[in-house]
Amino acid sequence: MDRLVPPGHQRLFSVLASSNHYLRTDPNRSKTSTQTVDDLKSFMDWINDYCTRHGRSDVIPPVNGRRWPVTTRQFRRTLAWFIARRPGGTIAGAIAYRHPSVQMFEGYAGTSESGFRPEVEAEQALARGQQFVDLVAAGEHQRLTGPAAEEAELRLAEFAQHADFRGKVVTDPVRLKRLMARRDPHIYPGGFVTCVHVPERALCHRDDAGPSLSDCQPLRCRNVALNADNREALATHLRHLDDALADGDALAPFPRRRMQQQHNEITTFLARHTPDQEPS
């Protein structure tokens, strides 16, 4: 989208030069819903024309003999689907869609009756499975640190045994989905921590549905493991705190005290759970 926006335009989703409405509308004014629907219809026609000209079979099929009546609501929900399937996506989606809670975003993304939520969970499991395969292949599962590092290594080692099919690591999405359905190690990679979920000792919530990353307490929970990326993310956040505290005169006493406390806790946590020598 950024590359499609002409120079000088201030809005990412403003009326584009390719739009039928471009010459009749202020280019820095966002499209109306009607304009957006017309552009989506044109885009669908372009896709089908492209497929026809190149002999492709992956066209957008008609519904009851007519072009699918796409709407902006469907477009937003489709975006929500792709956001929700990413690690930490429900939190990002709630922020992007300005929903007051993660549960509201999940409700917007779909309901169990529609089959949407199970689809998202299956896609999230597949994405985690692909990460596990990469971790095991690179030996990264043996370089985890943190309170749950040993548990994570055992789970991933067991997962690796089942992921090895006749001497080859399973990478086929169908087989990987089946493997995750049967042998999910219930490890959830995140930006700052990798959660090795054990409901009984989780500080976010205690059930088998998995962790609630929005309620994560990474410096206190015993389900936490750290990979190299997690440790670097925490170190980067620590540097941001250093910069903020360096300009301490601009901070009110309470925020400064809280930031200093967080700085001390992260410093102690990293010192305890960083290997003596990180692999190059």
C-alpha atoms as a PDB file:
ATOM      1  CA  MET A   1       0.000   0.000   0.000  1.00  0.00           C
ATOM      2  CA  ASP A   2       2.812   2.407   0.849  1.00  0.00           C
ATOM      3  CA  ARG A   3       4.305   2.035  -2.639  1.00  0.00           C
ATOM      4  CA  LEU A   4       0.911   2.524  -4.294  1.00  0.00           C
ATOM      5  CA  VAL A   5       0.326   5.913  -2.664  1.00  0.00           C
ATOM      6  CA  PRO A   6       1.431   8.769  -4.989  1.00  0.00           C
ATOM      7  CA  PRO A   7       4.058  11.263  -3.706  1.00  0.00           C
ATOM      8  CA  GLY A   8       2.642  14.028  -1.535  1.00  0.00           C
ATOM      9  CA  HIS A   9      -0.349  12.032  -0.315  1.00  0.00           C
ATOM     10  CA  GLN A  10      -0.826  12.076   3.425  1.00  0.00           C
ATOM     11  CA  ARG A  11      -3.165   9.114   3.853  1.00  0.00           C
ATOM     12  CA  LEU A  12      -2.268   5.488   3.271  1.00  0.00           C
ATOM     13  CA  PHE A  13      -5.798   4.551   2.158  1.00  0.00           C
ATOM     14  CA  SER A  14      -6.564   7.719   0.228  1.00  0.00           C
ATOM     15  CA  VAL A  15      -8.068   7.602  -3.276  1.00  0.00           C
ATOM     16  CA  LEU A  16      -5.448   6.085  -5.567  1.00  0.00           C
ATOM     17  CA  ALA A  17      -4.633   7.216  -9.095  1.00  0.00           C
ATOM     18  CA  SER A  18      -5.933   3.866 -10.374  1.00  0.00           C
ATOM     19  CA  SER A  19      -9.372   4.528  -8.905  1.00  0.00           C
ATOM     20  CA  ASN A  20     -12.306   5.604 -11.095  1.00  0.00           C
ATOM     21  CA  HIS A  21     -12.996   8.319  -8.518  1.00  0.00           C
ATOM     22  CA  TYR A  22      -9.483   9.819  -8.560  1.00  0.00           C
ATOM     23  CA  LEU A  23     -10.224  12.804 -10.836  1.00  0.00           C
ATOM     24  CA  ARG A  24     -13.442  13.662  -8.971  1.00  0.00           C
ATOM     25  CA  THR A  25     -12.142  13.485  -5.400  1.00  0.00           C
ATOM     26  CA  ASP A  26      -9.590  15.265  -3.261  1.00  0.00           C
ATOM     27  CA  PRO A  27      -6.606  12.851  -3.389  1.00  0.00           C
ATOM     28  CA  ASN A  28      -5.963  13.332   0.338  1.00  0.00           C
ATOM     29  CA  ARG A  29      -9.500  12.394   1.269  1.00  0.00           C
ATOM     30  CA  SER A  30     -10.212   8.796   2.236  1.00  0.00           C
ATOM     31  CA  LYS A  31     -12.577   6.780   0.083  1.00  0.00           C
ATOM     32  CA  THR A  32     -16.217   6.318   0.875  1.00  0.00           C
ATOM     33  CA  SER A  33     -17.505   2.789   1.414  1.00  0.00           C
ATOM     34  CA  THR A  34     -19.180   2.856  -2.019  1.00  0.00           C
ATOM     35  CA  GLN A  35     -15.908   3.824  -3.712  1.00  0.00           C
ATOM     36  CA  THR A  36     -14.034   1.109  -1.861  1.00  0.00           C
ATOM     37  CA  VAL A  37     -16.586  -1.550  -2.861  1.00  0.00           C
ATOM     38  CA  ASP A  38     -16.371  -0.456  -6.508  1.00  0.00           C
ATOM     39  CA  ASP A  39     -12.577  -0.735  -6.389  1.00  0.00           C
ATOM     40  CA  LEU A  40     -12.776  -4.173  -4.787  1.00  0.00           C
ATOM     41  CA  LYS A  41     -15.141  -5.317  -7.539  1.00  0.00           C
ATOM     42  CA  SER A  42     -12.746  -3.991 -10.175  1.00  0.00           C
ATOM     43  CA  PHE A  43      -9.901  -5.813  -8.469  1.00  0.00           C
ATOM     44  CA  MET A  44     -11.884  -9.074  -8.533  1.00  0.00           C
ATOM     45  CA  ASP A  45     -12.566  -8.599 -12.246  1.00  0.00           C
ATOM     46  CA  TRP A  46      -8.865  -7.955 -12.848  1.00  0.00           C
ATOM     47  CA  ILE A  47      -7.930 -11.166 -11.011  1.00  0.00           C
ATOM     48  CA  ASN A  48     -10.349 -13.269 -13.042  1.00  0.00           C
ATOM     49  CA  ASP A  49      -9.253 -11.647 -16.315  1.00  0.00           C
ATOM     50  CA  TYR A  50      -5.608 -12.291 -15.415  1.00  0.00           C
ATOM     51  CA  CYS A  51      -6.345 -15.935 -14.609  1.00  0.00           C
ATOM     52  CA  THR A  52      -8.236 -16.382 -17.874  1.00  0.00           C
ATOM     53  CA  ARG A  53      -5.447 -14.835 -19.961  1.00  0.00           C
ATOM     54  CA  HIS A  54      -2.762 -16.969 -18.303  1.00  0.00           C
ATOM     55  CA  GLY A  55      -4.719 -20.216 -18.151  1.00  0.00           C
ATOM     56  CA  ARG A  56      -4.904 -20.267 -14.363  1.00  0.00           C
ATOM     57  CA  SER A  57      -7.621 -22.111 -12.483  1.00  0.00           C
ATOM     58  CA  ASP A  58      -7.506 -20.136  -9.200  1.00  0.00           C
ATOM     59  CA  VAL A  59     -10.177 -17.630 -10.176  1.00  0.00           C
ATOM     60  CA  ILE A  60     -12.669 -16.067  -7.767  1.00  0.00           C
ATOM     61  CA  PRO A  61     -15.699 -18.257  -8.502  1.00  0.00           C
ATOM     62  CA  PRO A  62     -19.189 -16.807  -8.995  1.00  0.00           C
ATOM     63  CA  VAL A  63     -21.878 -17.438  -6.394  1.00  0.00           C
ATOM     64  CA  ASN A  64     -25.242 -18.493  -7.838  1.00  0.00           C
ATOM     65  CA  GLY A  65     -23.977 -17.497 -11.257  1.00  0.00           C
ATOM     66  CA  ARG A  66     -23.105 -13.950 -10.183  1.00  0.00           C
ATOM     67  CA  ARG A  67     -19.991 -12.133  -9.012  1.00  0.00           C
ATOM     68  CA  TRP A  68     -19.521 -12.361  -5.242  1.00  0.00           C
ATOM     69  CA  PRO A  69     -21.098  -9.245  -3.671  1.00  0.00           C
ATOM     70  CA  VAL A  70     -18.048  -8.142  -1.679  1.00  0.00           C
ATOM     71  CA  THR A  71     -18.451  -5.466   1.009  1.00  0.00           C
ATOM     72  CA  THR A  72     -16.089  -3.426   3.158  1.00  0.00           C
ATOM     73  CA  ARG A  73     -17.258  -5.405   6.191  1.00  0.00           C
ATOM     74  CA  GLN A  74     -16.100  -8.630   4.556  1.00  0.00           C
ATOM     75  CA  PHE A  75     -12.806  -6.960   3.666  1.00  0.00           C
ATOM     76  CA  ARG A  76     -12.246  -5.878   7.275  1.00  0.00           C
ATOM     77  CA  ARG A  77     -13.108  -9.325   8.605  1.00  0.00           C
ATOM     78  CA  THR A  78     -10.744 -10.916   6.082  1.00  0.00           C
ATOM     79  CA  LEU A  79      -7.973  -8.634   7.346  1.00  0.00           C
ATOM     80  CA  ALA A  80      -8.950  -9.603  10.897  1.00  0.00           C
ATOM     81  CA  TRP A  81      -8.561 -13.279   9.986  1.00  0.00           C
ATOM     82  CA  PHE A  82      -4.998 -12.785   8.769  1.00  0.00           C
ATOM     83  CA  ILE A  83      -4.111 -10.603  11.753  1.00  0.00           C
ATOM     84  CA  ALA A  84      -5.595 -13.071  14.249  1.00  0.00           C
ATOM     85  CA  ARG A  85      -3.604 -16.033  12.916  1.00  0.00           C
ATOM     86  CA  ARG A  86      -0.272 -14.327  13.590  1.00  0.00           C
ATOM     87  CA  PRO A  87       1.521 -14.852  16.915  1.00  0.00           C
ATOM     88  CA  GLY A  88       0.106 -12.245  19.273  1.00  0.00           C
ATOM     89  CA  GLY A  89      -2.322 -11.290  16.540  1.00  0.00           C
ATOM     90  CA  THR A  90      -5.403 -10.962  18.708  1.00  0.00           C
ATOM     91  CA  ILE A  91      -3.689  -8.258  20.753  1.00  0.00           C
ATOM     92  CA  ALA A  92      -2.461  -6.454  17.630  1.00  0.00           C
ATOM     93  CA  GLY A  93      -5.912  -6.763  16.080  1.00  0.00           C
ATOM     94  CA  ALA A  94      -7.655  -5.329  19.120  1.00  0.00           C
ATOM     95  CA  ILE A  95      -5.325  -2.317  18.930  1.00  0.00           C
ATOM     96  CA  ALA A  96      -5.635  -1.885  15.165  1.00  0.00           C
ATOM     97  CA  TYR A  97      -9.430  -2.171  15.210  1.00  0.00           C
ATOM     98  CA  ARG A  98      -9.690  -0.035  18.364  1.00  0.00           C
ATOM     99  CA  HIS A  99     -11.620  -2.698  20.231  1.00  0.00           C
ATOM    100  CA  PRO A 100     -11.722  -2.229  24.014  1.00  0.00           C
ATOM    101  CA  SER A 101     -10.741  -5.858  24.629  1.00  0.00           C
ATOM    102  CA  VAL A 102      -9.110  -8.838  22.980  1.00  0.00           C
ATOM    103  CA  GLN A 103     -12.356 -10.770  23.436  1.00  0.00           C
ATOM    104  CA  MET A 104     -14.198  -8.168  21.358  1.00  0.00           C
ATOM    105  CA  PHE A 105     -11.687  -8.564  18.528  1.00  0.00           C
ATOM    106  CA  GLU A 106     -12.029 -12.332  18.697  1.00  0.00           C
ATOM    107  CA  GLY A 107     -15.796 -11.907  18.501  1.00  0.00           C
ATOM    108  CA  TYR A 108     -15.383  -9.627  15.505  1.00  0.00           C
ATOM    109  CA  ALA A 109     -12.962 -12.008  13.849  1.00  0.00           C
ATOM    110  CA  GLY A 110     -15.541 -14.784  14.052  1.00  0.00           C
ATOM    111  CA  THR A 111     -17.481 -17.096  16.307  1.00  0.00           C
ATOM    112  CA  SER A 112     -17.228 -20.785  17.024  1.00  0.00           C
ATOM    113  CA  GLU A 113     -20.561 -21.289  15.245  1.00  0.00           C
ATOM    114  CA  SER A 114     -19.082 -19.883  12.040  1.00  0.00           C
ATOM    115  CA  GLY A 115     -16.053 -22.141  12.306  1.00  0.00           C
ATOM    116  CA  PHE A 116     -13.768 -19.108  12.187  1.00  0.00           C
ATOM    117  CA  ARG A 117     -12.186 -19.476  15.614  1.00  0.00           C
ATOM    118  CA  PRO A 118     -11.186 -23.138  15.119  1.00  0.00           C
ATOM    119  CA  GLU A 119      -9.710 -22.205  11.733  1.00  0.00           C
ATOM    120  CA  VAL A 120      -7.634 -19.447  13.306  1.00  0.00           C
ATOM    121  CA  GLU A 121      -6.477 -21.772  16.073  1.00  0.00           C
ATOM    122  CA  ALA A 122      -5.511 -24.414  13.501  1.00  0.00           C
ATOM    123  CA  GLU A 123      -3.538 -21.843  11.507  1.00  0.00           C
ATOM    124  CA  GLN A 124      -1.845 -20.584  14.687  1.00  0.00           C
ATOM    125  CA  ALA A 125      -0.908 -24.161  15.567  1.00  0.00           C
ATOM    126  CA  LEU A 126       0.516 -24.647  12.065  1.00  0.00           C
ATOM    127  CA  ALA A 127       2.588 -21.470  12.384  1.00  0.00           C
ATOM    128  CA  ARG A 128       3.893 -22.646  15.764  1.00  0.00           C
ATOM    129  CA  GLY A 129       4.680 -26.071  14.294  1.00  0.00           C
ATOM    130  CA  GLN A 130       6.755 -24.470  11.558  1.00  0.00           C
ATOM    131  CA  GLN A 131       8.641 -22.478  14.196  1.00  0.00           C
ATOM    132  CA  PHE A 132       9.263 -25.654  16.212  1.00  0.00           C
ATOM    133  CA  VAL A 133      10.655 -27.423  13.151  1.00  0.00           C
ATOM    134  CA  ASP A 134      13.034 -24.517  12.519  1.00  0.00           C
ATOM    135  CA  LEU A 135      14.083 -24.398  16.194  1.00  0.00           C
ATOM    136  CA  VAL A 136      14.834 -28.101  16.300  1.00  0.00           C
ATOM    137  CA  ALA A 137      16.619 -28.125  12.937  1.00  0.00           C
ATOM    138  CA  ALA A 138      18.939 -25.322  14.089  1.00  0.00           C
ATOM    139  CA  GLY A 139      19.426 -26.819  17.556  1.00  0.00           C
ATOM    140  CA  GLU A 140      18.000 -23.660  19.121  1.00  0.00           C
ATOM    141  CA  HIS A 141      15.784 -25.686  21.476  1.00  0.00           C
ATOM    142  CA  GLN A 142      18.956 -26.676  23.352  1.00  0.00           C
ATOM    143  CA  ARG A 143      19.950 -23.027  23.894  1.00  0.00           C
ATOM    144  CA  LEU A 144      16.781 -21.862  25.628  1.00  0.00           C
ATOM    145  CA  THR A 145      17.109 -20.257  29.052  1.00  0.00           C
ATOM    146  CA  GLY A 146      14.643 -19.239  31.749  1.00  0.00           C
ATOM    147  CA  PRO A 147      12.579 -21.052  34.392  1.00  0.00           C
ATOM    148  CA  ALA A 148      10.879 -23.369  31.874  1.00  0.00           C
ATOM    149  CA  ALA A 149      13.865 -23.921  29.558  1.00  0.00           C
ATOM    150  CA  GLU A 150      14.402 -27.551  30.586  1.00  0.00           C
ATOM    151  CA  GLU A 151      10.717 -28.357  30.139  1.00  0.00           C
ATOM    152  CA  ALA A 152      10.725 -26.681  26.704  1.00  0.00           C
ATOM    153  CA  GLU A 153      13.774 -28.689  25.610  1.00  0.00           C
ATOM    154  CA  LEU A 154      12.124 -31.962  26.627  1.00  0.00           C
ATOM    155  CA  ARG A 155       8.873 -31.123  24.838  1.00  0.00           C
ATOM    156  CA  LEU A 156      10.616 -30.001  21.663  1.00  0.00           C
ATOM    157  CA  ALA A 157      12.871 -33.056  21.654  1.00  0.00           C
ATOM    158  CA  GLU A 158       9.790 -35.279  21.826  1.00  0.00           C
ATOM    159  CA  PHE A 159       8.125 -33.204  19.096  1.00  0.00           C
ATOM    160  CA  ALA A 160      11.244 -33.632  16.931  1.00  0.00           C
ATOM    161  CA  GLN A 161      11.014 -37.419  17.202  1.00  0.00           C
ATOM    162  CA  HIS A 162       7.497 -37.386  15.787  1.00  0.00           C
ATOM    163  CA  ALA A 163       8.327 -34.694  13.212  1.00  0.00           C
ATOM    164  CA  ASP A 164      11.026 -36.940  11.713  1.00  0.00           C
ATOM    165  CA  PHE A 165       9.223 -39.016   9.058  1.00  0.00           C
ATOM    166  CA  ARG A 166      11.423 -41.642   7.368  1.00  0.00           C
ATOM    167  CA  GLY A 167      14.544 -39.586   7.835  1.00  0.00           C
ATOM    168  CA  LYS A 168      12.970 -36.313   6.696  1.00  0.00           C
ATOM    169  CA  VAL A 169      11.534 -33.523   8.827  1.00  0.00           C
ATOM    170  CA  VAL A 170       7.809 -32.998   8.242  1.00  0.00           C
ATOM    171  CA  THR A 171       7.258 -29.702   6.425  1.00  0.00           C
ATOM    172  CA  ASP A 172       4.097 -30.522   4.486  1.00  0.00           C
ATOM    173  CA  PRO A 173       1.305 -28.289   5.932  1.00  0.00           C
ATOM    174  CA  VAL A 174      -1.259 -31.102   6.011  1.00  0.00           C
ATOM    175  CA  ARG A 175       1.044 -33.483   7.881  1.00  0.00           C
ATOM    176  CA  LEU A 176       2.243 -30.688  10.139  1.00  0.00           C
ATOM    177  CA  LYS A 177      -1.341 -29.756  11.071  1.00  0.00           C
ATOM    178  CA  ARG A 178      -2.043 -33.402  11.852  1.00  0.00           C
ATOM    179  CA  LEU A 179       1.130 -33.611  13.927  1.00  0.00           C
ATOM    180  CA  MET A 180       0.236 -30.474  15.885  1.00  0.00           C
ATOM    181  CA  ALA A 181      -3.274 -31.810  16.535  1.00  0.00           C
ATOM    182  CA  ARG A 182      -1.789 -34.974  18.053  1.00  0.00           C
ATOM    183  CA  ARG A 183       1.561 -33.843  19.506  1.00  0.00           C
ATOM    184  CA  ASP A 184       1.225 -30.132  20.218  1.00  0.00           C
ATOM    185  CA  PRO A 185       3.952 -29.355  22.788  1.00  0.00           C
ATOM    186  CA  HIS A 186       1.907 -26.348  23.955  1.00  0.00           C
ATOM    187  CA  ILE A 187       4.788 -23.932  23.551  1.00  0.00           C
ATOM    188  CA  TYR A 188       3.881 -20.422  22.430  1.00  0.00           C
ATOM    189  CA  PRO A 189       6.692 -18.259  20.983  1.00  0.00           C
ATOM    190  CA  GLY A 190       6.287 -14.545  21.604  1.00  0.00           C
ATOM    191  CA  GLY A 191       8.252 -11.346  21.203  1.00  0.00           C
ATOM    192  CA  PHE A 192       9.610 -11.101  24.754  1.00  0.00           C
ATOM    193  CA  VAL A 193       9.174 -14.653  26.021  1.00  0.00           C
ATOM    194  CA  THR A 194       8.410 -18.174  24.878  1.00  0.00           C
ATOM    195  CA  CYS A 195       5.576 -19.605  26.969  1.00  0.00           C
ATOM    196  CA  VAL A 196       5.872 -23.276  27.941  1.00  0.00           C
ATOM    197  CA  HIS A 197       2.287 -23.552  29.060  1.00  0.00           C
ATOM    198  CA  VAL A 198       1.417 -25.439  32.236  1.00  0.00           C
ATOM    199  CA  PRO A 199      -2.075 -24.300  33.350  1.00  0.00           C
ATOM    200  CA  GLU A 200      -1.495 -25.055  37.044  1.00  0.00           C
ATOM    201  CA  ARG A 201       1.397 -22.612  37.358  1.00  0.00           C
ATOM    202  CA  ALA A 202       0.333 -19.983  34.804  1.00  0.00           C
ATOM    203  CA  LEU A 203      -0.071 -16.459  36.157  1.00  0.00           C
ATOM    204  CA  CYS A 204      -2.215 -15.306  33.219  1.00  0.00           C
ATOM    205  CA  HIS A 205      -5.060 -17.812  33.634  1.00  0.00           C
ATOM    206  CA  ARG A 206      -5.361 -21.443  34.568  1.00  0.00           C
ATOM    207  CA  ASP A 207      -7.005 -23.488  31.829  1.00  0.00           C
ATOM    208  CA  ASP A 208      -6.032 -25.735  28.934  1.00  0.00           C
ATOM    209  CA  ALA A 209      -6.897 -23.210  26.214  1.00  0.00           C
ATOM    210  CA  GLY A 210      -3.377 -21.822  26.192  1.00  0.00           C
ATOM    211  CA  PRO A 211      -1.827 -18.668  27.621  1.00  0.00           C
ATOM    212  CA  SER A 212      -3.353 -15.214  27.603  1.00  0.00           C
ATOM    213  CA  LEU A 213      -0.462 -13.164  26.243  1.00  0.00           C
ATOM    214  CA  SER A 214      -2.242  -9.915  27.050  1.00  0.00           C
ATOM    215  CA  ASP A 215      -2.089 -10.886  30.759  1.00  0.00           C
ATOM    216  CA  CYS A 216       1.451 -12.273  30.647  1.00  0.00           C
ATOM    217  CA  GLN A 217       3.755 -11.593  33.598  1.00  0.00           C
ATOM    218  CA  PRO A 218       7.038 -12.606  31.955  1.00  0.00           C
ATOM    219  CA  LEU A 219       9.406 -11.695  34.791  1.00  0.00           C
ATOM    220  CA  ARG A 220       7.471 -13.698  37.388  1.00  0.00           C
ATOM    221  CA  CYS A 221       5.852 -16.663  35.646  1.00  0.00           C
ATOM    222  CA  ARG A 222       7.494 -20.087  35.878  1.00  0.00           C
ATOM    223  CA  ASN A 223       6.218 -20.980  32.399  1.00  0.00           C
ATOM    224  CA  VAL A 224       8.707 -18.610  30.758  1.00  0.00           C
ATOM    225  CA  ALA A 225      11.567 -19.701  28.504  1.00  0.00           C
ATOM    226  CA  LEU A 226      13.798 -17.384  26.488  1.00  0.00           C
ATOM    227  CA  ASN A 227      15.376 -17.851  23.071  1.00  0.00           C
ATOM    228  CA  ALA A 228      18.004 -15.529  21.600  1.00  0.00           C
ATOM    229  CA  ASP A 229      15.370 -13.258  20.019  1.00  0.00           C
ATOM    230  CA  ASN A 230      13.497 -12.970  23.335  1.00  0.00           C
ATOM    231  CA  ARG A 231      16.654 -11.971  25.166  1.00  0.00           C
ATOM    232  CA  GLU A 232      17.483  -9.382  22.515  1.00  0.00           C
ATOM    233  CA  ALA A 233      13.943  -7.956  22.681  1.00  0.00           C
ATOM    234  CA  LEU A 234      14.236  -7.570  26.458  1.00  0.00           C
ATOM    235  CA  ALA A 235      17.679  -5.987  26.078  1.00  0.00           C
ATOM    236  CA  THR A 236      16.289  -3.533  23.514  1.00  0.00           C
ATOM    237  CA  HIS A 237      13.457  -2.596  25.879  1.00  0.00           C
ATOM    238  CA  LEU A 238      16.053  -2.114  28.602  1.00  0.00           C
ATOM    239  CA  ARG A 239      17.919   0.349  26.370  1.00  0.00           C
ATOM    240  CA  HIS A 240      14.680   2.269  25.787  1.00  0.00           C
ATOM    241  CA  LEU A 241      14.207   2.497  29.539  1.00  0.00           C
ATOM    242  CA  ASP A 242      17.787   3.757  29.870  1.00  0.00           C
ATOM    243  CA  ASP A 243      17.062   6.541  27.381  1.00  0.00           C
ATOM    244  CA  ALA A 244      13.838   7.522  29.160  1.00  0.00           C
ATOM    245  CA  LEU A 245      15.446   7.507  32.596  1.00  0.00           C
ATOM    246  CA  ALA A 246      18.381   9.561  31.332  1.00  0.00           C
ATOM    247  CA  ASP A 247      15.902  12.401  30.865  1.00  0.00           C
ATOM    248  CA  GLY A 248      14.485  11.824  34.330  1.00  0.00           C
ATOM    249  CA  ASP A 249      13.778  15.489  35.061  1.00  0.00           C
ATOM    250  CA  ALA A 250      10.948  15.328  32.507  1.00  0.00           C
ATOM    251  CA  LEU A 251       9.261  12.440  34.347  1.00  0.00           C
ATOM    252  CA  ALA A 252       6.835  12.684  37.226  1.00  0.00           C
ATOM    253  CA  PRO A 253       8.006  10.829  40.366  1.00  0.00           C
ATOM    254  CA  PHE A 254       5.593   7.896  40.104  1.00  0.00           C
ATOM    255  CA  PRO A 255       6.267   7.001  36.418  1.00  0.00           C
ATOM    256  CA  ARG A 256      10.000   7.374  37.016  1.00  0.00           C
ATOM    257  CA  ARG A 257       9.838   5.076  40.047  1.00  0.00           C
ATOM    258  CA  ARG A 258       7.857   2.472  38.088  1.00  0.00           C
ATOM    259  CA  MET A 259      10.265   2.644  35.142  1.00  0.00           C
ATOM    260  CA  GLN A 260      13.274   2.321  37.432  1.00  0.00           C
ATOM    261  CA  GLN A 261      11.662  -0.681  39.118  1.00  0.00           C
ATOM    262  CA  GLN A 262      11.005  -2.320  35.744  1.00  0.00           C
ATOM    263  CA  HIS A 263      14.577  -1.534  34.663  1.00  0.00           C
ATOM    264  CA  ASN A 264      15.962  -3.241  37.768  1.00  0.00           C
ATOM    265  CA  GLU A 265      13.718  -6.282  37.359  1.00  0.00           C
ATOM    266  CA  ILE A 266      14.635  -6.786  33.685  1.00  0.00           C
ATOM    267  CA  THR A 267      18.338  -6.319  34.417  1.00  0.00           C
ATOM    268  CA  THR A 268      18.224  -8.949  37.166  1.00  0.00           C
ATOM    269  CA  PHE A 269      16.110 -11.299  35.024  1.00  0.00           C
ATOM    270  CA  LEU A 270      18.474 -11.091  32.035  1.00  0.00           C
ATOM    271  CA  ALA A 271      21.552 -11.513  34.210  1.00  0.00           C
ATOM    272  CA  ARG A 272      20.047 -14.704  35.622  1.00  0.00           C
ATOM    273  CA  HIS A 273      18.885 -16.167  32.315  1.00  0.00           C
ATOM    274  CA  THR A 274      21.473 -15.090  29.710  1.00  0.00           C
ATOM    275  CA  PRO A 275      24.162 -17.634  28.768  1.00  0.00           C
ATOM    276  CA  ASP A 276      27.748 -16.677  29.531  1.00  0.00           C
ATOM    277  CA  GLN A 277      28.365 -16.492  25.784  1.00  0.00           C
ATOM    278  CA  GLU A 278      25.595 -16.058  23.227  1.00  0.00           C
ATOM    279  CA  PRO A 279      26.116 -18.132  20.034  1.00  0.00           C
ATOM    280  CA  SER A 280      27.306 -16.029  17.117  1.00  0.00           C
END
